[in-house]
Amino acid sequence: MYSREESKKIRQEFWINFGKTYQRKWILYNTKIKDFSLKFDFTKRYAEVAIEITSTDEVFRKYYFEKLKSLNAVLKEDYIPEIEYAEDYELDNGKVISRIYIRKEGINVHNRNDWPQTQQFLNKNMALLEEFFLEYKDFIDQ
């Protein structure tokens, strides 16, 4: 078991290592769409790549989620077949967001042996999600 400080240091080390291994500028929060972002996550249980719609305006959030759902077939056929959809996803802080994501279970940020496969998973799937987003950004944002 790691202390909070040790865990934080290990997570920082992972992300620094990831950035050095895969040197590229990711879109992430720079989508040019308000409250619409691409995200990485790696915890003690899973790694994940996602598009999240975080607006507190439910109409806005659901509008963009419906846009993403309408692209489900093309996203699954041409980019990420395992993509999941969550229209009303509750975060640990109680905030409800909408998201699409791909998750790899059974890996742990504290286990350095998991890092290479996790980095490959994150890089591959974020590249595909970014490619999808850039291809359909105009449609999503209209």
Protein backbone atom coordinates (compact mmCIF):
# COMPACT_ATOMS: atom_id res chain seq x y z
CA MET A 1 0.00 0.00 0.00
CA TYR A 2 1.33 3.39 -0.96
CA SER A 3 0.86 6.63 0.91
CA ARG A 4 -1.03 9.38 -0.87
CA GLU A 5 2.25 11.20 -1.56
CA GLU A 6 3.98 8.04 -2.87
CA SER A 7 1.00 7.27 -5.11
CA LYS A 8 1.04 10.82 -6.48
CA LYS A 9 4.76 10.54 -7.23
CA ILE A 10 4.29 7.21 -9.07
CA ARG A 11 1.44 8.66 -11.17
CA GLN A 12 3.57 11.69 -12.04
CA GLU A 13 6.44 9.41 -13.00
CA PHE A 14 4.13 7.41 -15.27
CA TRP A 15 2.84 10.50 -17.10
CA ILE A 16 6.34 11.99 -17.47
CA ASN A 17 7.54 8.67 -18.89
CA PHE A 18 4.52 8.50 -21.20
CA GLY A 19 5.22 12.02 -22.47
CA LYS A 20 8.85 11.16 -23.19
CA THR A 21 7.96 7.89 -24.91
CA TYR A 22 5.16 9.35 -27.04
CA GLN A 23 6.26 12.88 -27.83
CA ARG A 24 3.36 14.57 -29.52
CA LYS A 25 0.94 17.38 -28.80
CA TRP A 26 -2.45 15.89 -27.92
CA ILE A 27 -5.67 17.87 -28.43
CA LEU A 28 -7.12 17.03 -24.98
CA TYR A 29 -8.82 20.21 -23.71
CA ASN A 30 -8.04 22.24 -26.84
CA THR A 31 -11.07 21.03 -28.85
CA LYS A 32 -12.44 24.55 -29.42
CA ILE A 33 -15.81 23.25 -28.16
CA LYS A 34 -16.83 24.48 -24.70
CA ASP A 35 -16.95 21.74 -22.03
CA PHE A 36 -15.89 19.09 -24.57
CA SER A 37 -12.53 17.38 -24.04
CA LEU A 38 -10.46 14.30 -24.75
CA LYS A 39 -8.95 12.66 -21.67
CA PHE A 40 -6.50 10.03 -20.49
CA ASP A 41 -6.87 8.20 -17.18
CA PHE A 42 -4.82 5.47 -15.49
CA THR A 43 -5.76 4.23 -12.02
CA LYS A 44 -5.11 1.25 -9.77
CA ARG A 45 -7.80 -0.68 -11.67
CA TYR A 46 -7.87 0.46 -15.31
CA ALA A 47 -6.61 2.74 -18.07
CA GLU A 48 -9.01 4.77 -20.16
CA VAL A 49 -9.24 7.14 -23.12
CA ALA A 50 -12.42 9.23 -23.38
CA ILE A 51 -14.29 12.12 -24.88
CA GLU A 52 -16.12 13.89 -22.07
CA ILE A 53 -18.90 16.47 -22.21
CA THR A 54 -18.85 18.21 -18.84
CA SER A 55 -21.35 21.04 -19.24
CA THR A 56 -23.69 21.65 -16.31
CA ASP A 57 -26.33 22.62 -18.89
CA GLU A 58 -28.11 19.30 -19.42
CA VAL A 59 -29.59 20.35 -22.78
CA PHE A 60 -26.14 21.27 -24.11
CA ARG A 61 -24.59 18.07 -22.74
CA LYS A 62 -27.28 15.82 -24.21
CA TYR A 63 -27.17 17.64 -27.57
CA TYR A 64 -23.47 16.87 -28.02
CA PHE A 65 -23.90 13.34 -26.72
CA GLU A 66 -26.62 12.70 -29.33
CA LYS A 67 -24.23 13.99 -32.00
CA LEU A 68 -21.62 11.46 -30.87
CA LYS A 69 -24.22 8.68 -30.72
CA SER A 70 -25.28 9.44 -34.28
CA LEU A 71 -21.68 8.67 -35.32
CA ASN A 72 -21.64 5.35 -33.44
CA ALA A 73 -21.49 3.13 -36.53
CA VAL A 74 -18.60 4.98 -38.15
CA LEU A 75 -16.71 5.25 -34.84
CA LYS A 76 -17.04 1.51 -34.17
CA GLU A 77 -16.39 0.41 -37.76
CA ASP A 78 -13.53 2.72 -38.68
CA TYR A 79 -11.85 3.66 -35.41
CA ILE A 80 -12.54 1.91 -32.07
CA PRO A 81 -14.91 -1.11 -32.14
CA GLU A 82 -14.86 -1.42 -28.32
CA ILE A 83 -16.00 2.17 -27.63
CA GLU A 84 -18.58 2.53 -24.83
CA TYR A 85 -21.23 5.23 -24.39
CA ALA A 86 -22.42 6.70 -21.08
CA GLU A 87 -25.02 9.45 -21.36
CA ASP A 88 -25.33 10.08 -17.62
CA TYR A 89 -22.04 9.18 -15.94
CA GLU A 90 -21.63 10.29 -12.32
CA LEU A 91 -18.14 11.34 -11.27
CA ASP A 92 -16.79 10.73 -7.76
CA ASN A 93 -17.64 14.35 -6.88
CA GLY A 94 -21.32 13.80 -7.83
CA LYS A 95 -21.20 15.78 -11.09
CA VAL A 96 -23.02 14.11 -14.00
CA ILE A 97 -21.30 14.18 -17.39
CA SER A 98 -21.70 12.39 -20.73
CA ARG A 99 -18.84 10.44 -22.22
CA ILE A 100 -17.65 7.89 -24.72
CA TYR A 101 -14.64 5.83 -23.73
CA ILE A 102 -12.53 2.73 -24.13
CA ARG A 103 -11.19 1.06 -20.99
CA LYS A 104 -8.54 -1.57 -20.32
CA GLU A 105 -9.20 -3.38 -17.03
CA GLY A 106 -6.84 -5.30 -14.77
CA ILE A 107 -3.85 -2.98 -14.86
CA ASN A 108 -2.43 -0.82 -12.10
CA VAL A 109 -0.59 2.50 -12.27
CA HIS A 110 1.50 1.36 -9.28
CA ASN A 111 2.75 -1.71 -11.18
CA ARG A 112 5.59 -0.56 -13.43
CA ASN A 113 5.32 -3.86 -15.34
CA ASP A 114 1.92 -2.63 -16.61
CA TRP A 115 3.32 0.64 -17.92
CA PRO A 116 4.53 -0.43 -21.41
CA GLN A 117 1.23 -2.09 -22.41
CA THR A 118 -0.75 0.75 -20.86
CA GLN A 119 1.25 3.39 -22.70
CA GLN A 120 0.67 1.54 -25.97
CA PHE A 121 -3.06 1.28 -25.22
CA LEU A 122 -3.35 4.98 -24.35
CA ASN A 123 -1.31 6.15 -27.33
CA LYS A 124 -3.10 3.96 -29.89
CA ASN A 125 -6.61 4.76 -28.70
CA MET A 126 -6.09 8.49 -28.14
CA ALA A 127 -4.60 8.75 -31.64
CA LEU A 128 -7.71 7.01 -33.04
CA LEU A 129 -10.10 9.12 -30.94
CA GLU A 130 -8.33 12.32 -32.04
CA GLU A 131 -8.46 11.23 -35.68
CA PHE A 132 -12.20 10.58 -35.33
CA PHE A 133 -12.75 13.91 -33.57
CA LEU A 134 -10.82 15.90 -36.17
CA GLU A 135 -12.66 14.19 -39.02
CA TYR A 136 -16.12 14.90 -37.54
CA LYS A 137 -15.48 18.06 -35.49
CA ASP A 138 -17.46 20.32 -37.84
CA PHE A 139 -20.46 17.98 -37.68
CA ILE A 140 -20.24 17.66 -33.89
CA ASP A 141 -19.97 21.42 -33.40
CA GLN A 142 -22.76 22.56 -35.75
